[in-house]
Amino acid sequence: MIQNRWFARLKQVSDRYGQSPAFRLLHTSGLLNSGKMGAAGDPPLALRRVIDKGLRPNDAGHHVTYLEVYEPDVAADQMQLVLRYGASLFD
């Protein structure tokens, strides 16, 4: 029940602010679900594609100032170059 309310609230926030340049939430982990992120079997490429998509400027030319990444992707050694790449885009 609580999980359903949490997803409902997340959907409500996403619908309202999804085009906002403020934030983006990744929907899964590249390490655990690279296929759902468009690069089956290649987690670093999956995360890279999602970072690029998440930081793509909106119609007004603004990009997000916050991108939340799942913990398995942050902790995995194979993802560190991609994470550094993503962080460099905020400089």
N, C-alpha and C. Protein backbone atom coordinates (compact mmCIF):
# COMPACT_ATOMS: atom_id res chain seq x y z
N MET A 1 0.82 -1.20 0.00
CA MET A 1 0.00 0.00 0.00
C MET A 1 0.86 1.27 0.00
N ILE A 2 1.86 1.29 0.89
CA ILE A 2 2.74 2.46 0.96
C ILE A 2 3.51 2.61 -0.34
N GLN A 3 3.99 1.48 -0.90
CA GLN A 3 4.74 1.53 -2.14
C GLN A 3 3.87 2.10 -3.27
N ASN A 4 2.61 1.70 -3.34
CA ASN A 4 1.71 2.22 -4.37
C ASN A 4 1.51 3.72 -4.22
N ARG A 5 1.40 4.19 -2.99
CA ARG A 5 1.24 5.63 -2.77
C ARG A 5 2.52 6.36 -3.15
N TRP A 6 3.69 5.75 -2.84
CA TRP A 6 4.95 6.37 -3.20
C TRP A 6 5.07 6.51 -4.71
N PHE A 7 4.74 5.43 -5.45
CA PHE A 7 4.80 5.50 -6.91
C PHE A 7 3.79 6.50 -7.47
N ALA A 8 2.62 6.56 -6.86
CA ALA A 8 1.61 7.53 -7.30
C ALA A 8 2.11 8.96 -7.09
N ARG A 9 2.76 9.20 -5.96
CA ARG A 9 3.30 10.53 -5.68
C ARG A 9 4.45 10.85 -6.64
N LEU A 10 5.32 9.88 -6.86
CA LEU A 10 6.41 10.08 -7.81
C LEU A 10 5.88 10.40 -9.19
N LYS A 11 4.85 9.71 -9.62
CA LYS A 11 4.22 9.98 -10.92
C LYS A 11 3.65 11.39 -10.95
N GLN A 12 3.01 11.80 -9.86
CA GLN A 12 2.43 13.14 -9.78
C GLN A 12 3.53 14.20 -9.89
N VAL A 13 4.63 14.01 -9.18
CA VAL A 13 5.74 14.96 -9.24
C VAL A 13 6.34 14.97 -10.64
N SER A 14 6.52 13.78 -11.21
CA SER A 14 7.08 13.69 -12.55
C SER A 14 6.19 14.37 -13.58
N ASP A 15 4.88 14.17 -13.48
CA ASP A 15 3.96 14.81 -14.42
C ASP A 15 4.01 16.33 -14.30
N ARG A 16 4.15 16.80 -13.07
CA ARG A 16 4.15 18.24 -12.86
C ARG A 16 5.49 18.89 -13.20
N TYR A 17 6.59 18.22 -12.82
CA TYR A 17 7.90 18.83 -12.96
C TYR A 17 8.81 18.11 -13.95
N GLY A 18 8.28 17.14 -14.65
CA GLY A 18 9.10 16.34 -15.55
C GLY A 18 9.84 17.13 -16.61
N GLN A 19 9.31 18.24 -17.02
CA GLN A 19 9.97 19.08 -18.01
C GLN A 19 10.78 20.19 -17.37
N SER A 20 10.78 20.22 -16.05
CA SER A 20 11.53 21.23 -15.32
C SER A 20 13.02 20.99 -15.47
N PRO A 21 13.80 22.04 -15.51
CA PRO A 21 15.25 21.85 -15.56
C PRO A 21 15.86 21.53 -14.20
N ALA A 22 15.05 21.27 -13.18
CA ALA A 22 15.58 21.09 -11.83
C ALA A 22 16.17 19.72 -11.57
N PHE A 23 15.48 18.65 -11.94
CA PHE A 23 15.96 17.33 -11.55
C PHE A 23 15.47 16.25 -12.50
N ARG A 24 16.13 15.11 -12.43
CA ARG A 24 15.70 13.89 -13.13
C ARG A 24 16.01 12.71 -12.21
N LEU A 25 15.15 11.72 -12.24
CA LEU A 25 15.37 10.49 -11.50
C LEU A 25 15.51 9.36 -12.51
N LEU A 26 16.56 8.58 -12.40
CA LEU A 26 16.69 7.42 -13.27
C LEU A 26 15.68 6.38 -12.83
N HIS A 27 15.13 5.64 -13.77
CA HIS A 27 14.07 4.68 -13.42
C HIS A 27 14.60 3.32 -13.02
N THR A 28 15.88 3.07 -13.19
CA THR A 28 16.46 1.78 -12.80
C THR A 28 17.98 1.90 -12.74
N SER A 29 18.62 0.83 -12.40
CA SER A 29 20.07 0.77 -12.34
C SER A 29 20.62 0.21 -13.65
N GLY A 30 21.64 0.85 -14.19
CA GLY A 30 22.28 0.33 -15.40
C GLY A 30 22.99 -0.98 -15.14
N LEU A 31 23.54 -1.12 -13.96
CA LEU A 31 24.25 -2.34 -13.60
C LEU A 31 23.30 -3.53 -13.53
N LEU A 32 22.11 -3.30 -13.00
CA LEU A 32 21.15 -4.39 -12.81
C LEU A 32 20.18 -4.57 -13.97
N ASN A 33 19.92 -3.52 -14.74
CA ASN A 33 18.92 -3.57 -15.81
C ASN A 33 19.37 -2.81 -17.05
N SER A 34 20.55 -3.12 -17.55
CA SER A 34 21.08 -2.37 -18.70
C SER A 34 20.19 -2.49 -19.93
N GLY A 35 19.49 -3.61 -20.08
CA GLY A 35 18.59 -3.77 -21.22
C GLY A 35 17.46 -2.77 -21.21
N LYS A 36 16.93 -2.47 -20.02
CA LYS A 36 15.85 -1.49 -19.90
C LYS A 36 16.34 -0.07 -20.18
N MET A 37 17.67 0.10 -20.15
CA MET A 37 18.25 1.41 -20.39
C MET A 37 18.83 1.52 -21.80
N GLY A 38 18.57 0.52 -22.62
CA GLY A 38 18.93 0.61 -24.03
C GLY A 38 20.28 0.04 -24.42
N ALA A 39 20.95 -0.71 -23.53
CA ALA A 39 22.25 -1.28 -23.87
C ALA A 39 22.42 -2.61 -23.14
N ALA A 40 21.65 -3.60 -23.53
CA ALA A 40 21.67 -4.90 -22.87
C ALA A 40 23.09 -5.46 -22.82
N GLY A 41 23.52 -5.87 -21.63
CA GLY A 41 24.83 -6.48 -21.47
C GLY A 41 25.98 -5.51 -21.36
N ASP A 42 25.72 -4.19 -21.42
CA ASP A 42 26.78 -3.19 -21.34
C ASP A 42 26.36 -2.09 -20.36
N PRO A 43 26.43 -2.36 -19.05
CA PRO A 43 25.97 -1.39 -18.06
C PRO A 43 26.60 0.00 -18.18
N PRO A 44 27.92 0.13 -18.42
CA PRO A 44 28.47 1.48 -18.55
C PRO A 44 27.85 2.26 -19.73
N LEU A 45 27.65 1.59 -20.85
CA LEU A 45 27.02 2.26 -21.99
C LEU A 45 25.58 2.63 -21.66
N ALA A 46 24.87 1.75 -20.97
CA ALA A 46 23.48 2.05 -20.58
C ALA A 46 23.43 3.31 -19.72
N LEU A 47 24.30 3.39 -18.72
CA LEU A 47 24.31 4.56 -17.85
C LEU A 47 24.71 5.80 -18.63
N ARG A 48 25.68 5.68 -19.51
CA ARG A 48 26.12 6.83 -20.32
C ARG A 48 24.96 7.37 -21.16
N ARG A 49 24.21 6.48 -21.79
CA ARG A 49 23.07 6.91 -22.61
C ARG A 49 22.02 7.62 -21.77
N VAL A 50 21.77 7.10 -20.57
CA VAL A 50 20.76 7.71 -19.72
C VAL A 50 21.24 9.07 -19.19
N ILE A 51 22.51 9.16 -18.85
CA ILE A 51 23.05 10.46 -18.42
C ILE A 51 22.93 11.47 -19.55
N ASP A 52 23.32 11.07 -20.76
CA ASP A 52 23.21 11.98 -21.90
C ASP A 52 21.77 12.42 -22.13
N LYS A 53 20.84 11.47 -22.04
CA LYS A 53 19.43 11.82 -22.23
C LYS A 53 18.92 12.70 -21.09
N GLY A 54 19.31 12.36 -19.86
CA GLY A 54 18.86 13.12 -18.70
C GLY A 54 19.38 14.54 -18.68
N LEU A 55 20.55 14.76 -19.27
CA LEU A 55 21.14 16.10 -19.27
C LEU A 55 20.90 16.87 -20.56
N ARG A 56 20.11 16.28 -21.44
CA ARG A 56 19.77 16.98 -22.68
C ARG A 56 18.97 18.24 -22.32
N PRO A 57 19.33 19.38 -22.88
CA PRO A 57 18.59 20.61 -22.58
C PRO A 57 17.12 20.51 -22.98
N ASN A 58 16.26 21.20 -22.22
CA ASN A 58 14.85 21.24 -22.56
C ASN A 58 14.63 22.26 -23.68
N ASP A 59 13.40 22.52 -24.02
CA ASP A 59 13.09 23.44 -25.12
C ASP A 59 13.59 24.86 -24.87
N ALA A 60 13.74 25.22 -23.60
CA ALA A 60 14.23 26.55 -23.25
C ALA A 60 15.76 26.61 -23.18
N GLY A 61 16.43 25.47 -23.45
CA GLY A 61 17.88 25.44 -23.43
C GLY A 61 18.50 25.17 -22.07
N HIS A 62 17.68 24.86 -21.07
CA HIS A 62 18.18 24.58 -19.73
C HIS A 62 18.34 23.08 -19.53
N HIS A 63 19.30 22.70 -18.69
CA HIS A 63 19.43 21.29 -18.35
C HIS A 63 19.29 21.13 -16.84
N VAL A 64 19.14 19.91 -16.40
CA VAL A 64 18.93 19.63 -14.99
C VAL A 64 20.12 20.07 -14.15
N THR A 65 19.86 20.30 -12.89
CA THR A 65 20.93 20.63 -11.96
C THR A 65 21.14 19.49 -10.97
N TYR A 66 20.36 18.43 -11.13
CA TYR A 66 20.43 17.28 -10.22
C TYR A 66 20.02 16.04 -10.98
N LEU A 67 20.83 15.02 -10.92
CA LEU A 67 20.54 13.74 -11.56
C LEU A 67 20.80 12.65 -10.54
N GLU A 68 19.76 11.94 -10.14
CA GLU A 68 19.90 10.90 -9.13
C GLU A 68 20.22 9.56 -9.78
N VAL A 69 21.27 8.91 -9.30
CA VAL A 69 21.73 7.64 -9.84
C VAL A 69 21.57 6.57 -8.76
N TYR A 70 21.16 5.39 -9.17
CA TYR A 70 20.96 4.29 -8.22
C TYR A 70 22.27 3.86 -7.58
N GLU A 71 22.21 3.45 -6.31
CA GLU A 71 23.38 3.07 -5.54
C GLU A 71 24.23 1.98 -6.19
N PRO A 72 23.65 0.91 -6.78
CA PRO A 72 24.52 -0.09 -7.41
C PRO A 72 25.41 0.49 -8.50
N ASP A 73 24.92 1.49 -9.21
CA ASP A 73 25.73 2.13 -10.25
C ASP A 73 26.83 2.99 -9.65
N VAL A 74 26.56 3.62 -8.52
CA VAL A 74 27.55 4.47 -7.86
C VAL A 74 28.67 3.62 -7.26
N ALA A 75 28.31 2.46 -6.72
CA ALA A 75 29.28 1.61 -6.04
C ALA A 75 30.13 0.75 -6.98
N ALA A 76 29.66 0.49 -8.18
CA ALA A 76 30.34 -0.43 -9.08
C ALA A 76 31.59 0.19 -9.71
N ASP A 77 32.69 -0.53 -9.63
CA ASP A 77 33.95 -0.06 -10.22
C ASP A 77 33.81 0.22 -11.71
N GLN A 78 33.08 -0.63 -12.42
CA GLN A 78 32.97 -0.47 -13.88
C GLN A 78 32.19 0.77 -14.30
N MET A 79 31.52 1.41 -13.36
CA MET A 79 30.72 2.59 -13.69
C MET A 79 31.44 3.90 -13.38
N GLN A 80 32.61 3.83 -12.76
CA GLN A 80 33.27 5.05 -12.27
C GLN A 80 33.64 6.03 -13.38
N LEU A 81 34.12 5.56 -14.51
CA LEU A 81 34.44 6.48 -15.62
C LEU A 81 33.20 7.20 -16.12
N VAL A 82 32.09 6.47 -16.20
CA VAL A 82 30.84 7.07 -16.67
C VAL A 82 30.35 8.10 -15.65
N LEU A 83 30.46 7.77 -14.37
CA LEU A 83 30.04 8.73 -13.34
C LEU A 83 30.89 9.98 -13.35
N ARG A 84 32.18 9.82 -13.56
CA ARG A 84 33.05 11.01 -13.67
C ARG A 84 32.67 11.84 -14.89
N TYR A 85 32.37 11.15 -15.99
CA TYR A 85 31.91 11.85 -17.19
C TYR A 85 30.64 12.67 -16.86
N GLY A 86 29.68 12.02 -16.23
CA GLY A 86 28.43 12.69 -15.88
C GLY A 86 28.67 13.89 -14.96
N ALA A 87 29.53 13.71 -13.97
CA ALA A 87 29.83 14.82 -13.04
C ALA A 87 30.49 15.98 -13.78
N SER A 88 31.30 15.67 -14.77
CA SER A 88 31.98 16.75 -15.51
C SER A 88 31.00 17.62 -16.28
N LEU A 89 29.84 17.11 -16.57
CA LEU A 89 28.84 17.89 -17.32
C LEU A 89 28.20 18.96 -16.46
N PHE A 90 28.38 18.87 -15.16
CA PHE A 90 27.82 19.87 -14.24
C PHE A 90 28.81 20.98 -13.93
N ASP A 91 30.05 20.86 -14.38
CA ASP A 91 31.07 21.89 -14.11
C ASP A 91 30.78 23.16 -14.85
